[in-house]
Amino acid sequence: MGYITTEQLPAFHQFAYLHEESGLKKSKKASYTKEQLYEAVCNSFYTFSIYDNHQLIAFGRMISDGIYQALICDVMVAPTYQKKG
């Protein structure tokens, strides 16, 4: 399989679709709009996206103070790609 990885943000519609399909949305305790979640992603210190044939199949991000602390969060993988190592 020829996956493409990038540090660029995915398009809003790709992010929103993967966020819902991956089940991450269900695990959130608070209710945020898709737009609010994407805004949070846009403010991330670092993002990483994986595509298969131009389809976003995985995404993760890191928030950080840029000096000392960092946190990996919002790691999501499309269901058909989960549990494959």
PDB file of N, CA and C in Angstrom:
ATOM      1  N   MET A   1       0.839  -1.183   0.000  1.00  0.00           N
ATOM      2  CA  MET A   1       0.000   0.000   0.000  1.00  0.00           C
ATOM      3  C   MET A   1       0.881   1.241   0.000  1.00  0.00           C
ATOM      4  N   GLY A   2       0.489   2.220  -0.785  1.00  0.00           N
ATOM      5  CA  GLY A   2       1.252   3.451  -0.879  1.00  0.00           C
ATOM      6  C   GLY A   2       0.606   4.574  -0.109  1.00  0.00           C
ATOM      7  N   TYR A   3       0.868   4.648   1.166  1.00  0.00           N
ATOM      8  CA  TYR A   3       0.306   5.713   1.983  1.00  0.00           C
ATOM      9  C   TYR A   3       1.121   6.991   1.801  1.00  0.00           C
ATOM     10  N   ILE A   4       0.434   8.114   1.935  1.00  0.00           N
ATOM     11  CA  ILE A   4       1.091   9.414   1.872  1.00  0.00           C
ATOM     12  C   ILE A   4       0.946  10.060   3.248  1.00  0.00           C
ATOM     13  N   THR A   5       2.060  10.514   3.797  1.00  0.00           N
ATOM     14  CA  THR A   5       2.035  11.187   5.093  1.00  0.00           C
ATOM     15  C   THR A   5       2.402  12.652   4.892  1.00  0.00           C
ATOM     16  N   THR A   6       1.821  13.500   5.724  1.00  0.00           N
ATOM     17  CA  THR A   6       2.090  14.930   5.622  1.00  0.00           C
ATOM     18  C   THR A   6       1.868  15.598   6.970  1.00  0.00           C
ATOM     19  N   GLU A   7       2.528  16.704   7.163  1.00  0.00           N
ATOM     20  CA  GLU A   7       2.330  17.519   8.355  1.00  0.00           C
ATOM     21  C   GLU A   7       1.305  18.625   8.102  1.00  0.00           C
ATOM     22  N   GLN A   8       0.786  18.690   6.898  1.00  0.00           N
ATOM     23  CA  GLN A   8      -0.215  19.708   6.567  1.00  0.00           C
ATOM     24  C   GLN A   8      -1.581  19.299   7.109  1.00  0.00           C
ATOM     25  N   LEU A   9      -2.356  20.301   7.458  1.00  0.00           N
ATOM     26  CA  LEU A   9      -3.711  20.047   7.949  1.00  0.00           C
ATOM     27  C   LEU A   9      -4.587  19.459   6.849  1.00  0.00           C
ATOM     28  N   PRO A  10      -5.448  18.528   7.203  1.00  0.00           N
ATOM     29  CA  PRO A  10      -6.402  18.045   6.207  1.00  0.00           C
ATOM     30  C   PRO A  10      -7.475  19.106   5.971  1.00  0.00           C
ATOM     31  N   ALA A  11      -8.189  18.967   4.895  1.00  0.00           N
ATOM     32  CA  ALA A  11      -9.324  19.857   4.627  1.00  0.00           C
ATOM     33  C   ALA A  11     -10.380  19.643   5.717  1.00  0.00           C
ATOM     34  N   PHE A  12     -11.146  20.689   5.970  1.00  0.00           N
ATOM     35  CA  PHE A  12     -12.175  20.620   7.024  1.00  0.00           C
ATOM     36  C   PHE A  12     -13.089  19.404   6.855  1.00  0.00           C
ATOM     37  N   HIS A  13     -13.605  19.192   5.645  1.00  0.00           N
ATOM     38  CA  HIS A  13     -14.570  18.107   5.442  1.00  0.00           C
ATOM     39  C   HIS A  13     -13.926  16.737   5.676  1.00  0.00           C
ATOM     40  N   GLN A  14     -12.647  16.581   5.346  1.00  0.00           N
ATOM     41  CA  GLN A  14     -11.966  15.310   5.583  1.00  0.00           C
ATOM     42  C   GLN A  14     -11.769  15.075   7.079  1.00  0.00           C
ATOM     43  N   PHE A  15     -11.367  16.127   7.781  1.00  0.00           N
ATOM     44  CA  PHE A  15     -11.184  16.016   9.225  1.00  0.00           C
ATOM     45  C   PHE A  15     -12.501  15.683   9.918  1.00  0.00           C
ATOM     46  N   ALA A  16     -13.555  16.411   9.585  1.00  0.00           N
ATOM     47  CA  ALA A  16     -14.856  16.202  10.237  1.00  0.00           C
ATOM     48  C   ALA A  16     -15.370  14.789   9.992  1.00  0.00           C
ATOM     49  N   TYR A  17     -15.206  14.303   8.776  1.00  0.00           N
ATOM     50  CA  TYR A  17     -15.659  12.941   8.450  1.00  0.00           C
ATOM     51  C   TYR A  17     -14.876  11.891   9.255  1.00  0.00           C
ATOM     52  N   LEU A  18     -13.548  11.999   9.277  1.00  0.00           N
ATOM     53  CA  LEU A  18     -12.739  11.026  10.007  1.00  0.00           C
ATOM     54  C   LEU A  18     -13.003  11.107  11.500  1.00  0.00           C
ATOM     55  N   HIS A  19     -13.178  12.302  12.027  1.00  0.00           N
ATOM     56  CA  HIS A  19     -13.451  12.483  13.455  1.00  0.00           C
ATOM     57  C   HIS A  19     -14.712  11.722  13.860  1.00  0.00           C
ATOM     58  N   GLU A  20     -15.720  11.795  13.038  1.00  0.00           N
ATOM     59  CA  GLU A  20     -16.974  11.101  13.351  1.00  0.00           C
ATOM     60  C   GLU A  20     -16.855   9.594  13.086  1.00  0.00           C
ATOM     61  N   GLU A  21     -16.299   9.236  11.944  1.00  0.00           N
ATOM     62  CA  GLU A  21     -16.218   7.825  11.562  1.00  0.00           C
ATOM     63  C   GLU A  21     -15.315   7.016  12.499  1.00  0.00           C
ATOM     64  N   SER A  22     -14.253   7.630  12.992  1.00  0.00           N
ATOM     65  CA  SER A  22     -13.296   6.917  13.841  1.00  0.00           C
ATOM     66  C   SER A  22     -13.836   6.616  15.234  1.00  0.00           C
ATOM     67  N   GLY A  23     -14.916   7.288  15.612  1.00  0.00           N
ATOM     68  CA  GLY A  23     -15.485   7.079  16.934  1.00  0.00           C
ATOM     69  C   GLY A  23     -14.952   8.057  17.972  1.00  0.00           C
ATOM     70  N   LEU A  24     -14.022   8.905  17.594  1.00  0.00           N
ATOM     71  CA  LEU A  24     -13.461   9.863  18.548  1.00  0.00           C
ATOM     72  C   LEU A  24     -14.517  10.842  19.032  1.00  0.00           C
ATOM     73  N   LYS A  25     -15.426  11.201  18.163  1.00  0.00           N
ATOM     74  CA  LYS A  25     -16.483  12.149  18.549  1.00  0.00           C
ATOM     75  C   LYS A  25     -17.318  11.603  19.697  1.00  0.00           C
ATOM     76  N   LYS A  26     -17.598  10.312  19.684  1.00  0.00           N
ATOM     77  CA  LYS A  26     -18.410   9.699  20.739  1.00  0.00           C
ATOM     78  C   LYS A  26     -17.716   9.696  22.086  1.00  0.00           C
ATOM     79  N   SER A  27     -16.383   9.724  22.080  1.00  0.00           N
ATOM     80  CA  SER A  27     -15.640   9.667  23.334  1.00  0.00           C
ATOM     81  C   SER A  27     -15.496  11.030  24.004  1.00  0.00           C
ATOM     82  N   LYS A  28     -15.862  12.099  23.316  1.00  0.00           N
ATOM     83  CA  LYS A  28     -15.756  13.438  23.891  1.00  0.00           C
ATOM     84  C   LYS A  28     -16.891  13.653  24.894  1.00  0.00           C
ATOM     85  N   LYS A  29     -16.554  14.172  26.059  1.00  0.00           N
ATOM     86  CA  LYS A  29     -17.572  14.411  27.082  1.00  0.00           C
ATOM     87  C   LYS A  29     -18.346  15.689  26.824  1.00  0.00           C
ATOM     88  N   ALA A  30     -17.688  16.675  26.266  1.00  0.00           N
ATOM     89  CA  ALA A  30     -18.343  17.947  25.990  1.00  0.00           C
ATOM     90  C   ALA A  30     -18.825  17.970  24.539  1.00  0.00           C
ATOM     91  N   SER A  31     -19.738  18.848  24.268  1.00  0.00           N
ATOM     92  CA  SER A  31     -20.259  18.982  22.912  1.00  0.00           C
ATOM     93  C   SER A  31     -19.598  20.167  22.224  1.00  0.00           C
ATOM     94  N   TYR A  32     -18.844  19.871  21.179  1.00  0.00           N
ATOM     95  CA  TYR A  32     -18.208  20.905  20.383  1.00  0.00           C
ATOM     96  C   TYR A  32     -18.711  20.767  18.955  1.00  0.00           C
ATOM     97  N   THR A  33     -18.808  21.879  18.259  1.00  0.00           N
ATOM     98  CA  THR A  33     -19.190  21.815  16.853  1.00  0.00           C
ATOM     99  C   THR A  33     -17.985  21.336  16.044  1.00  0.00           C
ATOM    100  N   LYS A  34     -18.248  20.885  14.843  1.00  0.00           N
ATOM    101  CA  LYS A  34     -17.166  20.469  13.952  1.00  0.00           C
ATOM    102  C   LYS A  34     -16.225  21.640  13.687  1.00  0.00           C
ATOM    103  N   GLU A  35     -16.795  22.812  13.569  1.00  0.00           N
ATOM    104  CA  GLU A  35     -15.995  24.006  13.318  1.00  0.00           C
ATOM    105  C   GLU A  35     -15.074  24.323  14.501  1.00  0.00           C
ATOM    106  N   GLN A  36     -15.572  24.164  15.721  1.00  0.00           N
ATOM    107  CA  GLN A  36     -14.747  24.415  16.905  1.00  0.00           C
ATOM    108  C   GLN A  36     -13.600  23.405  16.987  1.00  0.00           C
ATOM    109  N   LEU A  37     -13.893  22.152  16.702  1.00  0.00           N
ATOM    110  CA  LEU A  37     -12.856  21.129  16.730  1.00  0.00           C
ATOM    111  C   LEU A  37     -11.790  21.395  15.673  1.00  0.00           C
ATOM    112  N   TYR A  38     -12.220  21.815  14.504  1.00  0.00           N
ATOM    113  CA  TYR A  38     -11.245  22.111  13.450  1.00  0.00           C
ATOM    114  C   TYR A  38     -10.411  23.334  13.816  1.00  0.00           C
ATOM    115  N   GLU A  39     -11.021  24.315  14.451  1.00  0.00           N
ATOM    116  CA  GLU A  39     -10.267  25.485  14.902  1.00  0.00           C
ATOM    117  C   GLU A  39      -9.194  25.060  15.910  1.00  0.00           C
ATOM    118  N   ALA A  40      -9.546  24.145  16.810  1.00  0.00           N
ATOM    119  CA  ALA A  40      -8.570  23.631  17.774  1.00  0.00           C
ATOM    120  C   ALA A  40      -7.420  22.951  17.043  1.00  0.00           C
ATOM    121  N   VAL A  41      -7.743  22.165  16.036  1.00  0.00           N
ATOM    122  CA  VAL A  41      -6.717  21.485  15.243  1.00  0.00           C
ATOM    123  C   VAL A  41      -5.814  22.510  14.557  1.00  0.00           C
ATOM    124  N   CYS A  42      -6.395  23.558  14.037  1.00  0.00           N
ATOM    125  CA  CYS A  42      -5.617  24.605  13.359  1.00  0.00           C
ATOM    126  C   CYS A  42      -4.650  25.298  14.315  1.00  0.00           C
ATOM    127  N   ASN A  43      -4.948  25.291  15.589  1.00  0.00           N
ATOM    128  CA  ASN A  43      -4.090  25.926  16.593  1.00  0.00           C
ATOM    129  C   ASN A  43      -3.077  24.962  17.197  1.00  0.00           C
ATOM    130  N   SER A  44      -2.969  23.773  16.666  1.00  0.00           N
ATOM    131  CA  SER A  44      -2.053  22.758  17.195  1.00  0.00           C
ATOM    132  C   SER A  44      -0.598  23.126  16.909  1.00  0.00           C
ATOM    133  N   PHE A  45       0.278  22.622  17.761  1.00  0.00           N
ATOM    134  CA  PHE A  45       1.716  22.817  17.587  1.00  0.00           C
ATOM    135  C   PHE A  45       2.224  21.990  16.409  1.00  0.00           C
ATOM    136  N   TYR A  46       1.648  20.795  16.227  1.00  0.00           N
ATOM    137  CA  TYR A  46       2.098  19.875  15.172  1.00  0.00           C
ATOM    138  C   TYR A  46       0.932  18.969  14.793  1.00  0.00           C
ATOM    139  N   THR A  47       0.787  18.692  13.519  1.00  0.00           N
ATOM    140  CA  THR A  47      -0.229  17.749  13.058  1.00  0.00           C
ATOM    141  C   THR A  47       0.401  16.741  12.100  1.00  0.00           C
ATOM    142  N   PHE A  48      -0.220  15.592  12.010  1.00  0.00           N
ATOM    143  CA  PHE A  48       0.265  14.525  11.142  1.00  0.00           C
ATOM    144  C   PHE A  48      -0.933  13.821  10.531  1.00  0.00           C
ATOM    145  N   SER A  49      -0.961  13.741   9.221  1.00  0.00           N
ATOM    146  CA  SER A  49      -2.074  13.112   8.509  1.00  0.00           C
ATOM    147  C   SER A  49      -1.552  11.990   7.627  1.00  0.00           C
ATOM    148  N   ILE A  50      -2.346  10.950   7.489  1.00  0.00           N
ATOM    149  CA  ILE A  50      -2.018   9.845   6.588  1.00  0.00           C
ATOM    150  C   ILE A  50      -3.174   9.673   5.614  1.00  0.00           C
ATOM    151  N   TYR A  51      -2.823   9.563   4.336  1.00  0.00           N
ATOM    152  CA  TYR A  51      -3.810   9.418   3.271  1.00  0.00           C
ATOM    153  C   TYR A  51      -3.574   8.116   2.512  1.00  0.00           C
ATOM    154  N   ASP A  52      -4.645   7.533   2.061  1.00  0.00           N
ATOM    155  CA  ASP A  52      -4.605   6.409   1.138  1.00  0.00           C
ATOM    156  C   ASP A  52      -5.445   6.815  -0.065  1.00  0.00           C
ATOM    157  N   ASN A  53      -4.789   6.979  -1.189  1.00  0.00           N
ATOM    158  CA  ASN A  53      -5.486   7.399  -2.407  1.00  0.00           C
ATOM    159  C   ASN A  53      -6.298   8.679  -2.181  1.00  0.00           C
ATOM    160  N   HIS A  54      -5.690   9.669  -1.581  1.00  0.00           N
ATOM    161  CA  HIS A  54      -6.279  10.995  -1.314  1.00  0.00           C
ATOM    162  C   HIS A  54      -7.375  10.975  -0.256  1.00  0.00           C
ATOM    163  N   GLN A  55      -7.610   9.843   0.386  1.00  0.00           N
ATOM    164  CA  GLN A  55      -8.597   9.761   1.469  1.00  0.00           C
ATOM    165  C   GLN A  55      -7.853   9.808   2.800  1.00  0.00           C
ATOM    166  N   LEU A  56      -8.267  10.721   3.669  1.00  0.00           N
ATOM    167  CA  LEU A  56      -7.670  10.822   4.995  1.00  0.00           C
ATOM    168  C   LEU A  56      -8.048   9.582   5.796  1.00  0.00           C
ATOM    169  N   ILE A  57      -7.042   8.806   6.211  1.00  0.00           N
ATOM    170  CA  ILE A  57      -7.320   7.573   6.941  1.00  0.00           C
ATOM    171  C   ILE A  57      -6.823   7.618   8.382  1.00  0.00           C
ATOM    172  N   ALA A  58      -5.957   8.584   8.693  1.00  0.00           N
ATOM    173  CA  ALA A  58      -5.459   8.718  10.063  1.00  0.00           C
ATOM    174  C   ALA A  58      -4.999  10.151  10.300  1.00  0.00           C
ATOM    175  N   PHE A  59      -5.132  10.566  11.543  1.00  0.00           N
ATOM    176  CA  PHE A  59      -4.750  11.924  11.918  1.00  0.00           C
ATOM    177  C   PHE A  59      -4.382  11.938  13.394  1.00  0.00           C
ATOM    178  N   GLY A  60      -3.420  12.775  13.724  1.00  0.00           N
ATOM    179  CA  GLY A  60      -3.059  13.009  15.118  1.00  0.00           C
ATOM    180  C   GLY A  60      -2.485  14.399  15.244  1.00  0.00           C
ATOM    181  N   ARG A  61      -2.468  14.893  16.456  1.00  0.00           N
ATOM    182  CA  ARG A  61      -1.925  16.225  16.663  1.00  0.00           C
ATOM    183  C   ARG A  61      -1.214  16.306  18.001  1.00  0.00           C
ATOM    184  N   MET A  62      -0.401  17.340  18.120  1.00  0.00           N
ATOM    185  CA  MET A  62       0.322  17.591  19.349  1.00  0.00           C
ATOM    186  C   MET A  62       0.099  19.044  19.746  1.00  0.00           C
ATOM    187  N   ILE A  63      -0.188  19.237  21.022  1.00  0.00           N
ATOM    188  CA  ILE A  63      -0.254  20.585  21.557  1.00  0.00           C
ATOM    189  C   ILE A  63       0.957  20.756  22.468  1.00  0.00           C
ATOM    190  N   SER A  64       1.500  21.967  22.523  1.00  0.00           N
ATOM    191  CA  SER A  64       2.745  22.172  23.250  1.00  0.00           C
ATOM    192  C   SER A  64       2.931  23.631  23.624  1.00  0.00           C
ATOM    193  N   ASP A  65       3.753  23.834  24.654  1.00  0.00           N
ATOM    194  CA  ASP A  65       4.163  25.195  24.983  1.00  0.00           C
ATOM    195  C   ASP A  65       5.389  25.591  24.164  1.00  0.00           C
ATOM    196  N   GLY A  66       5.918  24.658  23.376  1.00  0.00           N
ATOM    197  CA  GLY A  66       7.034  24.935  22.498  1.00  0.00           C
ATOM    198  C   GLY A  66       8.402  24.857  23.155  1.00  0.00           C
ATOM    199  N   ILE A  67       8.426  24.598  24.439  1.00  0.00           N
ATOM    200  CA  ILE A  67       9.712  24.545  25.135  1.00  0.00           C
ATOM    201  C   ILE A  67       9.857  23.264  25.954  1.00  0.00           C
ATOM    202  N   TYR A  68       8.876  22.999  26.803  1.00  0.00           N
ATOM    203  CA  TYR A  68       9.046  21.933  27.792  1.00  0.00           C
ATOM    204  C   TYR A  68       7.987  20.836  27.713  1.00  0.00           C
ATOM    205  N   GLN A  69       6.752  21.188  27.579  1.00  0.00           N
ATOM    206  CA  GLN A  69       5.656  20.226  27.638  1.00  0.00           C
ATOM    207  C   GLN A  69       4.999  20.033  26.271  1.00  0.00           C
ATOM    208  N   ALA A  70       4.586  18.806  26.010  1.00  0.00           N
ATOM    209  CA  ALA A  70       3.840  18.486  24.784  1.00  0.00           C
ATOM    210  C   ALA A  70       2.892  17.342  25.095  1.00  0.00           C
ATOM    211  N   LEU A  71       1.793  17.306  24.387  1.00  0.00           N
ATOM    212  CA  LEU A  71       0.778  16.281  24.592  1.00  0.00           C
ATOM    213  C   LEU A  71       0.273  15.811  23.237  1.00  0.00           C
ATOM    214  N   ILE A  72       0.317  14.522  23.011  1.00  0.00           N
ATOM    215  CA  ILE A  72      -0.259  13.940  21.796  1.00  0.00           C
ATOM    216  C   ILE A  72      -1.743  13.724  22.064  1.00  0.00           C
ATOM    217  N   CYS A  73      -2.576  14.205  21.161  1.00  0.00           N
ATOM    218  CA  CYS A  73      -4.019  14.066  21.376  1.00  0.00           C
ATOM    219  C   CYS A  73      -4.749  13.908  20.041  1.00  0.00           C
ATOM    220  N   ASP A  74      -6.006  13.554  20.145  1.00  0.00           N
ATOM    221  CA  ASP A  74      -6.890  13.408  18.980  1.00  0.00           C
ATOM    222  C   ASP A  74      -6.301  12.498  17.909  1.00  0.00           C
ATOM    223  N   VAL A  75      -5.778  11.357  18.330  1.00  0.00           N
ATOM    224  CA  VAL A  75      -5.296  10.367  17.373  1.00  0.00           C
ATOM    225  C   VAL A  75      -6.510   9.572  16.898  1.00  0.00           C
ATOM    226  N   MET A  76      -6.720   9.564  15.593  1.00  0.00           N
ATOM    227  CA  MET A  76      -7.881   8.864  15.039  1.00  0.00           C
ATOM    228  C   MET A  76      -7.501   8.114  13.781  1.00  0.00           C
ATOM    229  N   VAL A  77      -8.119   6.952  13.612  1.00  0.00           N
ATOM    230  CA  VAL A  77      -7.855   6.088  12.473  1.00  0.00           C
ATOM    231  C   VAL A  77      -9.196   5.598  11.938  1.00  0.00           C
ATOM    232  N   ALA A  78      -9.357   5.622  10.631  1.00  0.00           N
ATOM    233  CA  ALA A  78     -10.589   5.130  10.007  1.00  0.00           C
ATOM    234  C   ALA A  78     -10.796   3.662  10.418  1.00  0.00           C
ATOM    235  N   PRO A  79     -12.030   3.253  10.699  1.00  0.00           N
ATOM    236  CA  PRO A  79     -12.301   1.901  11.186  1.00  0.00           C
ATOM    237  C   PRO A  79     -11.718   0.775  10.311  1.00  0.00           C
ATOM    238  N   THR A  80     -11.734   0.951   9.006  1.00  0.00           N
ATOM    239  CA  THR A  80     -11.222  -0.128   8.134  1.00  0.00           C
ATOM    240  C   THR A  80      -9.704  -0.259   8.205  1.00  0.00           C
ATOM    241  N   TYR A  81      -9.031   0.693   8.823  1.00  0.00           N
ATOM    242  CA  TYR A  81      -7.576   0.662   8.972  1.00  0.00           C
ATOM    243  C   TYR A  81      -7.130   0.377  10.397  1.00  0.00           C
ATOM    244  N   GLN A  82      -8.084   0.261  11.319  1.00  0.00           N
ATOM    245  CA  GLN A  82      -7.758   0.018  12.713  1.00  0.00           C
ATOM    246  C   GLN A  82      -7.321  -1.433  12.921  1.00  0.00           C
ATOM    247  N   LYS A  83      -6.520  -1.652  13.946  1.00  0.00           N
ATOM    248  CA  LYS A  83      -6.059  -2.973  14.377  1.00  0.00           C
ATOM    249  C   LYS A  83      -5.240  -3.685  13.311  1.00  0.00           C
ATOM    250  N   LYS A  84      -4.449  -2.908  12.582  1.00  0.00           N
ATOM    251  CA  LYS A  84      -3.592  -3.488  11.549  1.00  0.00           C
ATOM    252  C   LYS A  84      -2.124  -3.241  11.836  1.00  0.00           C
ATOM    253  N   GLY A  85      -1.837  -2.796  13.043  1.00  0.00           N
ATOM    254  CA  GLY A  85      -0.444  -2.587  13.434  1.00  0.00           C
ATOM    255  C   GLY A  85       0.133  -1.269  12.982  1.00  0.00           C
TER     256      GLY A  85
END
